[in-house]
Amino acid sequence: MAIIVLKPNRDEMAGLNVFDWPIWEKEVSKFSWHYDDSETCFILEGKARVTAGNETVTFEAGDLVVFPKGLDCVWEVIEPVKKHYRFG
């Protein structure tokens, strides 16, 4: 199960209606998480590192991140994160 990190352009973001998605914010912290459904999110602010098994991915403001359904991981929020997100 791979975490995908993309650098979308404005047209790609507009096509996904990213700025109509809800917003989630999290302070500097470390926590375990399980994805019951896939999630696509666009990072507005901050920086985080997510580890799933042997894979570690770091992402920051401007990144579009896709987490697959069924993923078990550990989030490490390095700088407070603010993101738009969509499940499914």
N, C-alpha and C. Protein backbone atom coordinates (compact mmCIF):
# COMPACT_ATOMS: atom_id res chain seq x y z
N MET A 1 0.84 -1.18 0.00
CA MET A 1 0.00 0.00 0.00
C MET A 1 0.88 1.24 0.00
N ALA A 2 0.85 1.96 -1.08
CA ALA A 2 1.72 3.12 -1.21
C ALA A 2 0.97 4.42 -0.95
N ILE A 3 1.65 5.33 -0.28
CA ILE A 3 1.17 6.69 -0.10
C ILE A 3 1.70 7.48 -1.29
N ILE A 4 0.82 8.22 -1.96
CA ILE A 4 1.21 8.97 -3.15
C ILE A 4 1.27 10.46 -2.80
N VAL A 5 2.37 11.11 -3.18
CA VAL A 5 2.53 12.56 -2.97
C VAL A 5 2.74 13.20 -4.33
N LEU A 6 1.88 14.17 -4.65
CA LEU A 6 1.94 14.86 -5.94
C LEU A 6 2.07 16.37 -5.72
N LYS A 7 2.58 17.05 -6.73
CA LYS A 7 2.66 18.51 -6.73
C LYS A 7 1.67 18.99 -7.81
N PRO A 8 0.40 19.19 -7.45
CA PRO A 8 -0.60 19.55 -8.47
C PRO A 8 -0.47 21.00 -8.93
N ASN A 9 -0.92 21.25 -10.17
CA ASN A 9 -0.98 22.62 -10.65
C ASN A 9 -2.40 23.14 -10.39
N ARG A 10 -2.62 24.42 -10.66
CA ARG A 10 -3.92 25.05 -10.36
C ARG A 10 -5.07 24.38 -11.11
N ASP A 11 -4.85 23.97 -12.36
CA ASP A 11 -5.91 23.33 -13.14
C ASP A 11 -6.31 21.98 -12.53
N GLU A 12 -5.31 21.22 -12.10
CA GLU A 12 -5.60 19.92 -11.46
C GLU A 12 -6.38 20.12 -10.17
N MET A 13 -5.98 21.13 -9.38
CA MET A 13 -6.67 21.40 -8.12
C MET A 13 -8.11 21.85 -8.38
N ALA A 14 -8.30 22.70 -9.38
CA ALA A 14 -9.64 23.17 -9.72
C ALA A 14 -10.52 22.01 -10.18
N GLY A 15 -9.94 21.09 -10.95
CA GLY A 15 -10.69 19.92 -11.42
C GLY A 15 -11.15 19.02 -10.29
N LEU A 16 -10.41 19.02 -9.19
CA LEU A 16 -10.78 18.20 -8.02
C LEU A 16 -11.67 18.97 -7.04
N ASN A 17 -11.87 20.26 -7.28
CA ASN A 17 -12.63 21.12 -6.35
C ASN A 17 -12.02 21.11 -4.95
N VAL A 18 -10.71 21.07 -4.88
CA VAL A 18 -9.98 20.96 -3.61
C VAL A 18 -10.43 22.00 -2.59
N PHE A 19 -10.65 23.23 -3.02
CA PHE A 19 -10.94 24.28 -2.05
C PHE A 19 -12.38 24.25 -1.54
N ASP A 20 -13.18 23.31 -2.04
CA ASP A 20 -14.53 23.08 -1.50
C ASP A 20 -14.54 21.98 -0.44
N TRP A 21 -13.43 21.26 -0.28
CA TRP A 21 -13.36 20.18 0.69
C TRP A 21 -13.27 20.75 2.11
N PRO A 22 -13.67 19.96 3.12
CA PRO A 22 -13.52 20.41 4.52
C PRO A 22 -12.05 20.61 4.88
N ILE A 23 -11.83 21.30 5.99
CA ILE A 23 -10.47 21.56 6.49
C ILE A 23 -10.26 20.82 7.81
N TRP A 24 -9.05 20.28 7.97
CA TRP A 24 -8.63 19.60 9.20
C TRP A 24 -7.32 20.25 9.62
N GLU A 25 -7.17 20.47 10.93
CA GLU A 25 -5.94 21.05 11.46
C GLU A 25 -5.43 20.19 12.61
N LYS A 26 -4.10 20.15 12.75
CA LYS A 26 -3.50 19.36 13.83
C LYS A 26 -2.21 20.02 14.30
N GLU A 27 -2.04 20.09 15.61
CA GLU A 27 -0.83 20.65 16.21
C GLU A 27 0.31 19.64 16.10
N VAL A 28 1.51 20.07 16.44
CA VAL A 28 2.68 19.18 16.47
C VAL A 28 2.35 18.02 17.40
N SER A 29 2.49 16.80 16.88
CA SER A 29 2.11 15.62 17.64
C SER A 29 2.54 14.36 16.89
N LYS A 30 2.31 13.22 17.52
CA LYS A 30 2.59 11.92 16.92
C LYS A 30 1.47 10.98 17.33
N PHE A 31 0.87 10.28 16.34
CA PHE A 31 -0.27 9.42 16.64
C PHE A 31 -0.42 8.33 15.57
N SER A 32 -1.04 7.22 15.97
CA SER A 32 -1.34 6.13 15.05
C SER A 32 -2.68 6.40 14.37
N TRP A 33 -2.81 5.91 13.12
CA TRP A 33 -4.05 6.13 12.38
C TRP A 33 -4.32 4.95 11.45
N HIS A 34 -5.61 4.63 11.27
CA HIS A 34 -6.04 3.60 10.33
C HIS A 34 -7.03 4.24 9.36
N TYR A 35 -6.85 4.00 8.07
CA TYR A 35 -7.74 4.55 7.05
C TYR A 35 -8.80 3.52 6.68
N ASP A 36 -10.04 3.77 7.13
CA ASP A 36 -11.17 2.91 6.78
C ASP A 36 -11.58 3.12 5.33
N ASP A 37 -11.21 4.25 4.77
CA ASP A 37 -11.49 4.59 3.38
C ASP A 37 -10.26 5.33 2.85
N SER A 38 -10.15 5.45 1.54
CA SER A 38 -9.03 6.21 0.99
C SER A 38 -9.26 7.69 1.30
N GLU A 39 -8.16 8.44 1.41
CA GLU A 39 -8.25 9.88 1.65
C GLU A 39 -7.32 10.60 0.69
N THR A 40 -7.81 11.67 0.10
CA THR A 40 -6.99 12.59 -0.69
C THR A 40 -6.99 13.91 0.06
N CYS A 41 -5.82 14.48 0.26
CA CYS A 41 -5.77 15.76 0.97
C CYS A 41 -4.77 16.69 0.30
N PHE A 42 -5.04 17.99 0.45
CA PHE A 42 -4.16 19.02 -0.07
C PHE A 42 -3.63 19.80 1.13
N ILE A 43 -2.33 19.83 1.29
CA ILE A 43 -1.71 20.46 2.45
C ILE A 43 -1.60 21.97 2.22
N LEU A 44 -2.29 22.73 3.06
CA LEU A 44 -2.27 24.19 2.98
C LEU A 44 -1.11 24.78 3.76
N GLU A 45 -0.85 24.21 4.94
CA GLU A 45 0.21 24.71 5.82
C GLU A 45 0.84 23.53 6.55
N GLY A 46 2.10 23.69 6.93
CA GLY A 46 2.76 22.74 7.80
C GLY A 46 3.56 21.66 7.09
N LYS A 47 3.97 20.70 7.91
CA LYS A 47 4.82 19.61 7.42
C LYS A 47 4.58 18.39 8.31
N ALA A 48 4.51 17.21 7.69
CA ALA A 48 4.28 15.98 8.44
C ALA A 48 5.06 14.84 7.80
N ARG A 49 5.27 13.81 8.61
CA ARG A 49 5.93 12.58 8.16
C ARG A 49 4.98 11.44 8.54
N VAL A 50 4.72 10.54 7.59
CA VAL A 50 3.86 9.40 7.85
C VAL A 50 4.65 8.13 7.55
N THR A 51 4.61 7.20 8.51
CA THR A 51 5.30 5.92 8.35
C THR A 51 4.28 4.81 8.34
N ALA A 52 4.38 3.95 7.31
CA ALA A 52 3.52 2.78 7.17
C ALA A 52 4.42 1.60 6.84
N GLY A 53 4.63 0.72 7.81
CA GLY A 53 5.55 -0.39 7.60
C GLY A 53 6.95 0.14 7.37
N ASN A 54 7.56 -0.21 6.24
CA ASN A 54 8.92 0.23 5.91
C ASN A 54 8.95 1.52 5.09
N GLU A 55 7.77 2.08 4.80
CA GLU A 55 7.68 3.28 3.97
C GLU A 55 7.49 4.52 4.85
N THR A 56 8.31 5.53 4.63
CA THR A 56 8.14 6.82 5.30
C THR A 56 8.06 7.90 4.23
N VAL A 57 7.01 8.72 4.34
CA VAL A 57 6.77 9.78 3.37
C VAL A 57 6.66 11.10 4.13
N THR A 58 7.33 12.12 3.64
CA THR A 58 7.25 13.47 4.21
C THR A 58 6.56 14.36 3.19
N PHE A 59 5.64 15.19 3.69
CA PHE A 59 4.94 16.11 2.80
C PHE A 59 4.74 17.43 3.51
N GLU A 60 4.45 18.48 2.70
CA GLU A 60 4.36 19.84 3.23
C GLU A 60 3.40 20.66 2.38
N ALA A 61 3.26 21.93 2.74
CA ALA A 61 2.36 22.83 2.03
C ALA A 61 2.57 22.74 0.53
N GLY A 62 1.46 22.63 -0.22
CA GLY A 62 1.51 22.53 -1.67
C GLY A 62 1.42 21.12 -2.19
N ASP A 63 1.51 20.12 -1.31
CA ASP A 63 1.45 18.72 -1.73
C ASP A 63 0.02 18.20 -1.70
N LEU A 64 -0.31 17.34 -2.67
CA LEU A 64 -1.55 16.59 -2.69
C LEU A 64 -1.16 15.16 -2.32
N VAL A 65 -1.77 14.63 -1.27
CA VAL A 65 -1.37 13.33 -0.74
C VAL A 65 -2.56 12.38 -0.80
N VAL A 66 -2.31 11.14 -1.25
CA VAL A 66 -3.36 10.12 -1.33
C VAL A 66 -2.97 8.95 -0.43
N PHE A 67 -3.85 8.64 0.53
CA PHE A 67 -3.67 7.51 1.44
C PHE A 67 -4.64 6.41 1.04
N PRO A 68 -4.16 5.17 0.83
CA PRO A 68 -5.05 4.10 0.40
C PRO A 68 -5.93 3.56 1.53
N LYS A 69 -7.08 3.05 1.17
CA LYS A 69 -7.98 2.39 2.10
C LYS A 69 -7.26 1.21 2.76
N GLY A 70 -7.45 1.07 4.08
CA GLY A 70 -6.86 -0.04 4.81
C GLY A 70 -5.47 0.24 5.37
N LEU A 71 -4.92 1.40 5.09
CA LEU A 71 -3.56 1.74 5.54
C LEU A 71 -3.51 1.94 7.05
N ASP A 72 -2.55 1.31 7.69
CA ASP A 72 -2.22 1.55 9.10
C ASP A 72 -0.91 2.31 9.11
N CYS A 73 -0.87 3.42 9.85
CA CYS A 73 0.33 4.26 9.81
C CYS A 73 0.50 5.05 11.09
N VAL A 74 1.63 5.72 11.18
CA VAL A 74 1.91 6.63 12.29
C VAL A 74 2.19 8.00 11.69
N TRP A 75 1.42 8.98 12.11
CA TRP A 75 1.61 10.37 11.71
C TRP A 75 2.53 11.05 12.70
N GLU A 76 3.50 11.82 12.18
CA GLU A 76 4.31 12.70 13.00
C GLU A 76 4.18 14.10 12.41
N VAL A 77 3.42 14.96 13.09
CA VAL A 77 3.22 16.33 12.62
C VAL A 77 4.42 17.14 13.10
N ILE A 78 5.25 17.56 12.16
CA ILE A 78 6.49 18.26 12.45
C ILE A 78 6.24 19.76 12.64
N GLU A 79 5.40 20.33 11.79
CA GLU A 79 4.94 21.72 11.89
C GLU A 79 3.43 21.67 11.80
N PRO A 80 2.69 22.47 12.56
CA PRO A 80 1.23 22.39 12.56
C PRO A 80 0.67 22.30 11.13
N VAL A 81 -0.25 21.35 10.93
CA VAL A 81 -0.79 21.07 9.61
C VAL A 81 -2.21 21.61 9.49
N LYS A 82 -2.48 22.18 8.32
CA LYS A 82 -3.83 22.58 7.93
C LYS A 82 -4.02 22.02 6.54
N LYS A 83 -5.09 21.26 6.35
CA LYS A 83 -5.28 20.61 5.04
C LYS A 83 -6.76 20.56 4.65
N HIS A 84 -7.01 20.55 3.33
CA HIS A 84 -8.31 20.19 2.79
C HIS A 84 -8.27 18.68 2.63
N TYR A 85 -9.40 18.01 2.85
CA TYR A 85 -9.41 16.55 2.72
C TYR A 85 -10.73 16.05 2.13
N ARG A 86 -10.65 14.84 1.54
CA ARG A 86 -11.81 14.18 0.97
C ARG A 86 -11.62 12.68 1.12
N PHE A 87 -12.63 12.00 1.64
CA PHE A 87 -12.59 10.54 1.75
C PHE A 87 -13.31 9.93 0.55
N GLY A 88 -12.83 8.72 0.18
CA GLY A 88 -13.49 7.98 -0.90
C GLY A 88 -12.88 8.22 -2.24
